[in-house]
Amino acid sequence: MITINPFANLPSAWPASAMQTYVVLMVLAVIAGTLLDMAHKGSAKFFFAKSHKTRGQGQPVATASIAVKTVMVDVLASGEFCNPRRRIAHLLTMYGFILYVISTAALVFGYPGSAAAAPWPQLWWLGGVMVLAGGYWFWFFIRVDVAAEGQSPLRVMRADLFILSLLASVTLALLWAGLQASGSAASGLVLALYLLATTVLFGGVYWSKFAHMFFKPAAAFEKRVAEANGTNANLPLQTRDDPAQRERHSMELLKNAPMDMGLGIKREAPRHY
């Protein structure tokens, strides 16, 4: 089953050419949704304005090495996540999704009508399983409103559109591939549901958190550059030894408080619901 190209035996009503056209449309939907999201939120405008404002300020820095560090730490290793479980779940989902998408494109465009397409079918299954492992782990056990606030894992909000449509798409994809390999008559119905969930995933970029994956590296790079060249000096420093800095804190209680005030809420897991 895992050695067979699942897109090789598509029904006559949905031939390989239709699947190829569908994939292209989904790519265009992601581009359009991302551009609309940028226009709506002003993300690109913010970064360009900040770059123009700080141009020529601060000390010279090696932007190339900062860019490499951003890619290695913030992008490839998801360094923004302090919780190891959250980071592992994110990495499983991220790398699984990348592997799943690349292998899907390889199978659809490189091997239309060919059942033997090794190693892409195996990579397609591996990527799908990684997405499901990381996604369901996050959804049922790591989400803050479930793990810390005691909310039901079945509680759904608009912000959940991306993860839910992703899980639905990949789950239905693997289920469809299994049913098709076994010759089940239900494979046609599951294929239709799979295409519907995938359309929601890629067509709903404007309303989901899908587009934020393109902004996070830029934000992380901008933050590292600002820290390196000193243009973040307008923010309060992580010290209260300087009276001028101490007076900048808006909370009266923090002006004379020590920097190290103990673990606080990190002393134990927040499970007081």
C-alpha atoms as a PDB file:
ATOM      1  CA  MET A   1       0.000   0.000   0.000  1.00  0.00           C
ATOM      2  CA  ILE A   2       2.698   2.510   0.949  1.00  0.00           C
ATOM      3  CA  THR A   3       4.723   1.654  -2.166  1.00  0.00           C
ATOM      4  CA  ILE A   4       1.943   2.579  -4.630  1.00  0.00           C
ATOM      5  CA  ASN A   5       1.384   6.039  -6.047  1.00  0.00           C
ATOM      6  CA  PRO A   6      -2.130   6.873  -4.756  1.00  0.00           C
ATOM      7  CA  PHE A   7      -2.666   9.372  -7.589  1.00  0.00           C
ATOM      8  CA  ALA A   8      -1.998   6.774 -10.299  1.00  0.00           C
ATOM      9  CA  ASN A   9      -5.485   5.258 -10.282  1.00  0.00           C
ATOM     10  CA  LEU A  10      -7.734   8.285 -10.071  1.00  0.00           C
ATOM     11  CA  PRO A  11     -11.374   7.815 -11.140  1.00  0.00           C
ATOM     12  CA  SER A  12     -12.320   8.694 -14.702  1.00  0.00           C
ATOM     13  CA  ALA A  13     -14.350  11.640 -13.445  1.00  0.00           C
ATOM     14  CA  TRP A  14     -11.173  13.125 -11.951  1.00  0.00           C
ATOM     15  CA  PRO A  15      -8.219  12.285 -14.250  1.00  0.00           C
ATOM     16  CA  ALA A  16      -4.561  13.134 -13.682  1.00  0.00           C
ATOM     17  CA  SER A  17      -4.861  16.364 -15.675  1.00  0.00           C
ATOM     18  CA  ALA A  18      -7.669  17.531 -13.377  1.00  0.00           C
ATOM     19  CA  MET A  19      -5.544  16.781 -10.319  1.00  0.00           C
ATOM     20  CA  GLN A  20      -2.619  18.728 -11.789  1.00  0.00           C
ATOM     21  CA  THR A  21      -4.875  21.701 -12.495  1.00  0.00           C
ATOM     22  CA  TYR A  22      -6.263  21.472  -8.975  1.00  0.00           C
ATOM     23  CA  VAL A  23      -2.756  21.567  -7.437  1.00  0.00           C
ATOM     24  CA  VAL A  24      -1.872  24.659  -9.480  1.00  0.00           C
ATOM     25  CA  LEU A  25      -5.093  26.356  -8.362  1.00  0.00           C
ATOM     26  CA  MET A  26      -4.269  25.611  -4.725  1.00  0.00           C
ATOM     27  CA  VAL A  27      -0.809  27.179  -5.138  1.00  0.00           C
ATOM     28  CA  LEU A  28      -2.422  30.279  -6.631  1.00  0.00           C
ATOM     29  CA  ALA A  29      -4.935  30.328  -3.770  1.00  0.00           C
ATOM     30  CA  VAL A  30      -2.092  30.372  -1.219  1.00  0.00           C
ATOM     31  CA  ILE A  31      -0.357  33.234  -3.040  1.00  0.00           C
ATOM     32  CA  ALA A  32      -3.564  35.240  -3.353  1.00  0.00           C
ATOM     33  CA  GLY A  33      -4.572  34.610   0.268  1.00  0.00           C
ATOM     34  CA  THR A  34      -1.129  35.620   1.538  1.00  0.00           C
ATOM     35  CA  LEU A  35      -1.136  38.844  -0.489  1.00  0.00           C
ATOM     36  CA  LEU A  36      -4.633  39.711   0.734  1.00  0.00           C
ATOM     37  CA  ASP A  37      -3.563  38.997   4.313  1.00  0.00           C
ATOM     38  CA  MET A  38      -0.530  41.249   3.899  1.00  0.00           C
ATOM     39  CA  ALA A  39      -2.708  44.030   2.505  1.00  0.00           C
ATOM     40  CA  HIS A  40      -5.303  43.648   5.252  1.00  0.00           C
ATOM     41  CA  LYS A  41      -2.874  43.511   8.188  1.00  0.00           C
ATOM     42  CA  GLY A  42      -0.266  45.827   6.690  1.00  0.00           C
ATOM     43  CA  SER A  43       2.528  43.366   7.509  1.00  0.00           C
ATOM     44  CA  ALA A  44       4.769  44.244   4.572  1.00  0.00           C
ATOM     45  CA  LYS A  45       4.083  47.955   5.058  1.00  0.00           C
ATOM     46  CA  PHE A  46       5.129  47.662   8.712  1.00  0.00           C
ATOM     47  CA  PHE A  47       8.422  45.922   7.926  1.00  0.00           C
ATOM     48  CA  PHE A  48       9.324  48.342   5.121  1.00  0.00           C
ATOM     49  CA  ALA A  49       8.452  51.363   7.272  1.00  0.00           C
ATOM     50  CA  LYS A  50      10.505  50.074  10.185  1.00  0.00           C
ATOM     51  CA  SER A  51      13.433  49.268   7.910  1.00  0.00           C
ATOM     52  CA  HIS A  52      13.293  52.774   6.420  1.00  0.00           C
ATOM     53  CA  LYS A  53      13.046  54.361   9.878  1.00  0.00           C
ATOM     54  CA  THR A  54      16.083  52.545  11.283  1.00  0.00           C
ATOM     55  CA  ARG A  55      18.195  52.772   8.110  1.00  0.00           C
ATOM     56  CA  GLY A  56      21.557  54.274   8.958  1.00  0.00           C
ATOM     57  CA  GLN A  57      20.936  53.975  12.702  1.00  0.00           C
ATOM     58  CA  GLY A  58      22.834  51.788  15.084  1.00  0.00           C
ATOM     59  CA  GLN A  59      26.192  50.138  14.698  1.00  0.00           C
ATOM     60  CA  PRO A  60      27.143  48.092  11.620  1.00  0.00           C
ATOM     61  CA  VAL A  61      26.249  44.407  11.894  1.00  0.00           C
ATOM     62  CA  ALA A  62      26.869  41.281   9.835  1.00  0.00           C
ATOM     63  CA  THR A  63      23.382  40.811   8.425  1.00  0.00           C
ATOM     64  CA  ALA A  64      24.437  37.675   6.523  1.00  0.00           C
ATOM     65  CA  SER A  65      25.428  35.841   9.710  1.00  0.00           C
ATOM     66  CA  ILE A  66      22.254  37.072  11.437  1.00  0.00           C
ATOM     67  CA  ALA A  67      20.199  35.755   8.527  1.00  0.00           C
ATOM     68  CA  VAL A  68      21.916  32.362   8.777  1.00  0.00           C
ATOM     69  CA  LYS A  69      21.299  32.229  12.533  1.00  0.00           C
ATOM     70  CA  THR A  70      17.663  33.186  12.012  1.00  0.00           C
ATOM     71  CA  VAL A  71      17.196  30.380   9.509  1.00  0.00           C
ATOM     72  CA  MET A  72      19.001  27.782  11.627  1.00  0.00           C
ATOM     73  CA  VAL A  73      17.457  28.664  15.007  1.00  0.00           C
ATOM     74  CA  ASP A  74      14.113  30.362  14.407  1.00  0.00           C
ATOM     75  CA  VAL A  75      13.033  28.640  11.192  1.00  0.00           C
ATOM     76  CA  LEU A  76      14.586  25.172  11.017  1.00  0.00           C
ATOM     77  CA  ALA A  77      14.600  24.514  14.777  1.00  0.00           C
ATOM     78  CA  SER A  78      11.528  26.600  15.797  1.00  0.00           C
ATOM     79  CA  GLY A  79      13.566  28.247  18.530  1.00  0.00           C
ATOM     80  CA  GLU A  80      10.714  30.545  19.585  1.00  0.00           C
ATOM     81  CA  PHE A  81       9.034  27.657  21.416  1.00  0.00           C
ATOM     82  CA  CYS A  82      10.335  27.276  24.977  1.00  0.00           C
ATOM     83  CA  ASN A  83       8.144  24.274  25.753  1.00  0.00           C
ATOM     84  CA  PRO A  84       9.983  21.166  24.415  1.00  0.00           C
ATOM     85  CA  ARG A  85       6.722  19.282  23.797  1.00  0.00           C
ATOM     86  CA  ARG A  86       5.299  22.201  21.836  1.00  0.00           C
ATOM     87  CA  ARG A  87       8.483  22.497  19.795  1.00  0.00           C
ATOM     88  CA  ILE A  88       8.590  18.789  18.962  1.00  0.00           C
ATOM     89  CA  ALA A  89       4.927  18.793  17.937  1.00  0.00           C
ATOM     90  CA  HIS A  90       5.505  21.854  15.762  1.00  0.00           C
ATOM     91  CA  LEU A  91       8.594  20.354  14.106  1.00  0.00           C
ATOM     92  CA  LEU A  92       6.781  17.091  13.409  1.00  0.00           C
ATOM     93  CA  THR A  93       3.901  18.954  11.797  1.00  0.00           C
ATOM     94  CA  MET A  94       6.101  21.403   9.890  1.00  0.00           C
ATOM     95  CA  TYR A  95       8.564  18.928   8.416  1.00  0.00           C
ATOM     96  CA  GLY A  96       5.811  16.393   7.825  1.00  0.00           C
ATOM     97  CA  PHE A  97       3.776  18.984   5.924  1.00  0.00           C
ATOM     98  CA  ILE A  98       6.769  20.017   3.810  1.00  0.00           C
ATOM     99  CA  LEU A  99       7.547  16.383   2.978  1.00  0.00           C
ATOM    100  CA  TYR A 100       3.881  15.671   2.267  1.00  0.00           C
ATOM    101  CA  VAL A 101       3.460  18.659  -0.078  1.00  0.00           C
ATOM    102  CA  ILE A 102       6.692  18.037  -1.994  1.00  0.00           C
ATOM    103  CA  SER A 103       5.951  14.337  -2.454  1.00  0.00           C
ATOM    104  CA  THR A 104       2.374  15.137  -3.531  1.00  0.00           C
ATOM    105  CA  ALA A 105       3.681  17.474  -6.221  1.00  0.00           C
ATOM    106  CA  ALA A 106       6.240  14.868  -7.328  1.00  0.00           C
ATOM    107  CA  LEU A 107       3.603  12.140  -7.614  1.00  0.00           C
ATOM    108  CA  VAL A 108       0.990  14.286  -9.350  1.00  0.00           C
ATOM    109  CA  PHE A 109       3.292  15.938 -11.894  1.00  0.00           C
ATOM    110  CA  GLY A 110       6.180  13.491 -12.161  1.00  0.00           C
ATOM    111  CA  TYR A 111       4.385  10.139 -12.170  1.00  0.00           C
ATOM    112  CA  PRO A 112       0.825  10.635 -13.502  1.00  0.00           C
ATOM    113  CA  GLY A 113      -0.665   7.224 -14.160  1.00  0.00           C
ATOM    114  CA  SER A 114       2.415   5.374 -12.862  1.00  0.00           C
ATOM    115  CA  ALA A 115       1.892   3.206  -9.776  1.00  0.00           C
ATOM    116  CA  ALA A 116       5.639   2.664  -9.277  1.00  0.00           C
ATOM    117  CA  ALA A 117       7.168   5.950  -8.179  1.00  0.00           C
ATOM    118  CA  ALA A 118       9.607   5.053  -5.397  1.00  0.00           C
ATOM    119  CA  PRO A 119      10.568   6.633  -3.069  1.00  0.00           C
ATOM    120  CA  TRP A 120       7.833   9.287  -3.330  1.00  0.00           C
ATOM    121  CA  PRO A 121       4.870   7.158  -2.125  1.00  0.00           C
ATOM    122  CA  GLN A 122       6.815   6.174   1.001  1.00  0.00           C
ATOM    123  CA  LEU A 123       7.785   9.805   1.620  1.00  0.00           C
ATOM    124  CA  TRP A 124       4.151  10.842   1.065  1.00  0.00           C
ATOM    125  CA  TRP A 125       3.000   8.415   3.743  1.00  0.00           C
ATOM    126  CA  LEU A 126       5.837   9.375   6.101  1.00  0.00           C
ATOM    127  CA  GLY A 127       5.030  13.082   5.766  1.00  0.00           C
ATOM    128  CA  GLY A 128       1.334  12.443   6.352  1.00  0.00           C
ATOM    129  CA  VAL A 129       1.971  10.365   9.463  1.00  0.00           C
ATOM    130  CA  MET A 130       4.299  13.056  10.844  1.00  0.00           C
ATOM    131  CA  VAL A 131       1.620  15.724  10.302  1.00  0.00           C
ATOM    132  CA  LEU A 132      -0.985  13.621  12.096  1.00  0.00           C
ATOM    133  CA  ALA A 133       1.354  12.772  14.977  1.00  0.00           C
ATOM    134  CA  GLY A 134       2.336  16.381  15.613  1.00  0.00           C
ATOM    135  CA  GLY A 135      -1.086  17.854  14.828  1.00  0.00           C
ATOM    136  CA  TYR A 136      -3.220  15.549  16.951  1.00  0.00           C
ATOM    137  CA  TRP A 137      -0.686  15.692  19.801  1.00  0.00           C
ATOM    138  CA  PHE A 138      -0.954  19.473  19.766  1.00  0.00           C
ATOM    139  CA  TRP A 139      -4.739  19.527  19.397  1.00  0.00           C
ATOM    140  CA  PHE A 140      -5.632  17.128  22.195  1.00  0.00           C
ATOM    141  CA  PHE A 141      -2.802  17.594  24.711  1.00  0.00           C
ATOM    142  CA  ILE A 142      -0.723  20.763  24.192  1.00  0.00           C
ATOM    143  CA  ARG A 143      -3.128  23.571  23.264  1.00  0.00           C
ATOM    144  CA  VAL A 144      -3.068  26.125  26.052  1.00  0.00           C
ATOM    145  CA  ASP A 145      -6.844  26.286  26.414  1.00  0.00           C
ATOM    146  CA  VAL A 146      -6.908  22.504  26.819  1.00  0.00           C
ATOM    147  CA  ALA A 147      -3.729  21.859  28.827  1.00  0.00           C
ATOM    148  CA  ALA A 148      -3.823  24.954  31.063  1.00  0.00           C
ATOM    149  CA  GLU A 149      -7.422  26.174  31.085  1.00  0.00           C
ATOM    150  CA  GLY A 150      -9.316  22.896  31.130  1.00  0.00           C
ATOM    151  CA  GLN A 151     -11.311  23.607  27.985  1.00  0.00           C
ATOM    152  CA  SER A 152     -12.674  20.701  25.970  1.00  0.00           C
ATOM    153  CA  PRO A 153     -10.436  19.585  23.072  1.00  0.00           C
ATOM    154  CA  LEU A 154     -13.594  19.666  20.955  1.00  0.00           C
ATOM    155  CA  ARG A 155     -13.959  23.435  21.439  1.00  0.00           C
ATOM    156  CA  VAL A 156     -13.422  25.113  18.057  1.00  0.00           C
ATOM    157  CA  MET A 157     -12.601  28.752  17.278  1.00  0.00           C
ATOM    158  CA  ARG A 158     -11.846  30.625  14.070  1.00  0.00           C
ATOM    159  CA  ALA A 159      -8.125  30.517  14.881  1.00  0.00           C
ATOM    160  CA  ASP A 160      -8.323  26.712  14.636  1.00  0.00           C
ATOM    161  CA  LEU A 161      -9.214  26.784  10.926  1.00  0.00           C
ATOM    162  CA  PHE A 162      -5.673  26.038   9.788  1.00  0.00           C
ATOM    163  CA  ILE A 163      -4.851  23.133  12.087  1.00  0.00           C
ATOM    164  CA  LEU A 164      -8.281  21.527  11.726  1.00  0.00           C
ATOM    165  CA  SER A 165      -8.355  21.774   7.927  1.00  0.00           C
ATOM    166  CA  LEU A 166      -4.782  20.483   7.794  1.00  0.00           C
ATOM    167  CA  LEU A 167      -5.600  17.471   9.973  1.00  0.00           C
ATOM    168  CA  ALA A 168      -8.800  16.801   8.033  1.00  0.00           C
ATOM    169  CA  SER A 169      -7.006  17.012   4.680  1.00  0.00           C
ATOM    170  CA  VAL A 170      -4.125  14.703   5.613  1.00  0.00           C
ATOM    171  CA  THR A 171      -6.327  12.249   7.530  1.00  0.00           C
ATOM    172  CA  LEU A 172      -8.702  11.918   4.574  1.00  0.00           C
ATOM    173  CA  ALA A 173      -5.741  11.639   2.170  1.00  0.00           C
ATOM    174  CA  LEU A 174      -4.258   8.648   3.983  1.00  0.00           C
ATOM    175  CA  LEU A 175      -7.681   7.090   4.465  1.00  0.00           C
ATOM    176  CA  TRP A 176      -8.438   7.520   0.748  1.00  0.00           C
ATOM    177  CA  ALA A 177      -5.098   5.976  -0.244  1.00  0.00           C
ATOM    178  CA  GLY A 178      -5.747   2.982   2.001  1.00  0.00           C
ATOM    179  CA  LEU A 179      -9.280   2.458   0.702  1.00  0.00           C
ATOM    180  CA  GLN A 180      -8.180   2.822  -2.889  1.00  0.00           C
ATOM    181  CA  ALA A 181      -5.398   0.264  -2.440  1.00  0.00           C
ATOM    182  CA  SER A 182      -7.893  -2.206  -1.002  1.00  0.00           C
ATOM    183  CA  GLY A 183     -10.378  -1.604  -3.846  1.00  0.00           C
ATOM    184  CA  SER A 184     -13.090  -0.209  -1.579  1.00  0.00           C
ATOM    185  CA  ALA A 185     -16.092   1.415  -3.230  1.00  0.00           C
ATOM    186  CA  ALA A 186     -15.984   4.152  -0.589  1.00  0.00           C
ATOM    187  CA  SER A 187     -12.704   5.530  -1.943  1.00  0.00           C
ATOM    188  CA  GLY A 188     -14.535   7.863  -4.351  1.00  0.00           C
ATOM    189  CA  LEU A 189     -16.513   9.511  -1.551  1.00  0.00           C
ATOM    190  CA  VAL A 190     -13.424   9.888   0.635  1.00  0.00           C
ATOM    191  CA  LEU A 191     -11.534  11.404  -2.326  1.00  0.00           C
ATOM    192  CA  ALA A 192     -14.252  14.037  -2.672  1.00  0.00           C
ATOM    193  CA  LEU A 193     -14.040  14.827   1.066  1.00  0.00           C
ATOM    194  CA  TYR A 194     -10.245  14.952   0.825  1.00  0.00           C
ATOM    195  CA  LEU A 195     -10.427  17.515  -1.995  1.00  0.00           C
ATOM    196  CA  LEU A 196     -12.997  19.545  -0.049  1.00  0.00           C
ATOM    197  CA  ALA A 197     -10.839  19.662   3.089  1.00  0.00           C
ATOM    198  CA  THR A 198      -7.760  20.541   1.020  1.00  0.00           C
ATOM    199  CA  THR A 199      -9.658  23.360  -0.674  1.00  0.00           C
ATOM    200  CA  VAL A 200     -10.589  24.771   2.736  1.00  0.00           C
ATOM    201  CA  LEU A 201      -6.961  24.467   3.876  1.00  0.00           C
ATOM    202  CA  PHE A 202      -5.394  26.328   0.950  1.00  0.00           C
ATOM    203  CA  GLY A 203      -8.370  28.453  -0.015  1.00  0.00           C
ATOM    204  CA  GLY A 204      -8.849  29.719   3.537  1.00  0.00           C
ATOM    205  CA  VAL A 205      -5.371  31.246   3.904  1.00  0.00           C
ATOM    206  CA  TYR A 206      -6.828  34.739   4.287  1.00  0.00           C
ATOM    207  CA  TRP A 207      -8.966  33.651   7.272  1.00  0.00           C
ATOM    208  CA  SER A 208      -6.533  31.221   8.920  1.00  0.00           C
ATOM    209  CA  LYS A 209      -3.047  31.319  10.429  1.00  0.00           C
ATOM    210  CA  PHE A 210      -1.482  29.779   7.315  1.00  0.00           C
ATOM    211  CA  ALA A 211       0.092  33.042   6.133  1.00  0.00           C
ATOM    212  CA  HIS A 212       1.895  33.707   9.418  1.00  0.00           C
ATOM    213  CA  MET A 213       4.549  31.141   8.493  1.00  0.00           C
ATOM    214  CA  PHE A 214       5.804  33.601   5.878  1.00  0.00           C
ATOM    215  CA  PHE A 215       5.972  36.522   8.337  1.00  0.00           C
ATOM    216  CA  LYS A 216       7.613  34.815  11.314  1.00  0.00           C
ATOM    217  CA  PRO A 217      11.080  34.505   9.730  1.00  0.00           C
ATOM    218  CA  ALA A 218      10.998  38.181   8.730  1.00  0.00           C
ATOM    219  CA  ALA A 219       9.948  39.219  12.242  1.00  0.00           C
ATOM    220  CA  ALA A 220      12.633  37.028  13.828  1.00  0.00           C
ATOM    221  CA  PHE A 221      15.312  38.462  11.517  1.00  0.00           C
ATOM    222  CA  GLU A 222      14.197  42.035  12.225  1.00  0.00           C
ATOM    223  CA  LYS A 223      14.349  41.382  15.967  1.00  0.00           C
ATOM    224  CA  ARG A 224      17.863  39.935  15.795  1.00  0.00           C
ATOM    225  CA  VAL A 225      19.111  42.841  13.676  1.00  0.00           C
ATOM    226  CA  ALA A 226      17.603  45.385  16.084  1.00  0.00           C
ATOM    227  CA  GLU A 227      19.246  43.656  19.048  1.00  0.00           C
ATOM    228  CA  ALA A 228      22.603  43.497  17.263  1.00  0.00           C
ATOM    229  CA  ASN A 229      22.778  47.100  16.020  1.00  0.00           C
ATOM    230  CA  GLY A 230      21.190  48.642  19.101  1.00  0.00           C
ATOM    231  CA  THR A 231      18.136  50.141  17.403  1.00  0.00           C
ATOM    232  CA  ASN A 232      15.961  48.424  19.998  1.00  0.00           C
ATOM    233  CA  ALA A 233      17.347  50.830  22.584  1.00  0.00           C
ATOM    234  CA  ASN A 234      14.010  52.639  22.685  1.00  0.00           C
ATOM    235  CA  LEU A 235      12.691  49.695  24.691  1.00  0.00           C
ATOM    236  CA  PRO A 236      13.324  49.386  28.441  1.00  0.00           C
ATOM    237  CA  LEU A 237      16.516  47.464  29.141  1.00  0.00           C
ATOM    238  CA  GLN A 238      16.564  44.218  31.092  1.00  0.00           C
ATOM    239  CA  THR A 239      17.991  45.961  34.127  1.00  0.00           C
ATOM    240  CA  ARG A 240      16.894  48.404  36.800  1.00  0.00           C
ATOM    241  CA  ASP A 241      20.324  49.570  37.888  1.00  0.00           C
ATOM    242  CA  ASP A 242      20.055  52.752  35.817  1.00  0.00           C
ATOM    243  CA  PRO A 243      17.626  55.224  37.487  1.00  0.00           C
ATOM    244  CA  ALA A 244      16.559  56.553  34.085  1.00  0.00           C
ATOM    245  CA  GLN A 245      15.624  53.061  32.941  1.00  0.00           C
ATOM    246  CA  ARG A 246      13.919  52.323  36.231  1.00  0.00           C
ATOM    247  CA  GLU A 247      11.614  55.307  35.824  1.00  0.00           C
ATOM    248  CA  ARG A 248      10.495  54.108  32.383  1.00  0.00           C
ATOM    249  CA  HIS A 249       8.544  51.178  33.808  1.00  0.00           C
ATOM    250  CA  SER A 250       4.878  52.040  33.907  1.00  0.00           C
ATOM    251  CA  MET A 251       4.111  49.815  36.904  1.00  0.00           C
ATOM    252  CA  GLU A 252       5.120  51.411  40.197  1.00  0.00           C
ATOM    253  CA  LEU A 253       5.692  48.010  41.771  1.00  0.00           C
ATOM    254  CA  LEU A 254       8.336  47.104  39.191  1.00  0.00           C
ATOM    255  CA  LYS A 255      10.464  50.229  39.506  1.00  0.00           C
ATOM    256  CA  ASN A 256      12.311  49.025  42.596  1.00  0.00           C
ATOM    257  CA  ALA A 257      11.705  45.302  42.211  1.00  0.00           C
ATOM    258  CA  PRO A 258      14.666  42.983  41.658  1.00  0.00           C
ATOM    259  CA  MET A 259      15.162  41.551  38.196  1.00  0.00           C
ATOM    260  CA  ASP A 260      15.058  37.991  39.544  1.00  0.00           C
ATOM    261  CA  MET A 261      11.745  37.558  41.337  1.00  0.00           C
ATOM    262  CA  GLY A 262      11.655  33.771  41.267  1.00  0.00           C
ATOM    263  CA  LEU A 263       9.930  31.360  38.941  1.00  0.00           C
ATOM    264  CA  GLY A 264       6.488  32.884  39.351  1.00  0.00           C
ATOM    265  CA  ILE A 265       3.945  31.160  37.136  1.00  0.00           C
ATOM    266  CA  LYS A 266       6.702  28.885  35.834  1.00  0.00           C
ATOM    267  CA  ARG A 267       7.008  27.296  39.268  1.00  0.00           C
ATOM    268  CA  GLU A 268       4.443  24.687  38.254  1.00  0.00           C
ATOM    269  CA  ALA A 269       2.224  23.821  35.313  1.00  0.00           C
ATOM    270  CA  PRO A 270      -0.889  26.059  35.226  1.00  0.00           C
ATOM    271  CA  ARG A 271      -3.547  23.441  35.957  1.00  0.00           C
ATOM    272  CA  HIS A 272      -5.720  25.231  38.507  1.00  0.00           C
ATOM    273  CA  TYR A 273      -8.981  25.047  36.558  1.00  0.00           C
END
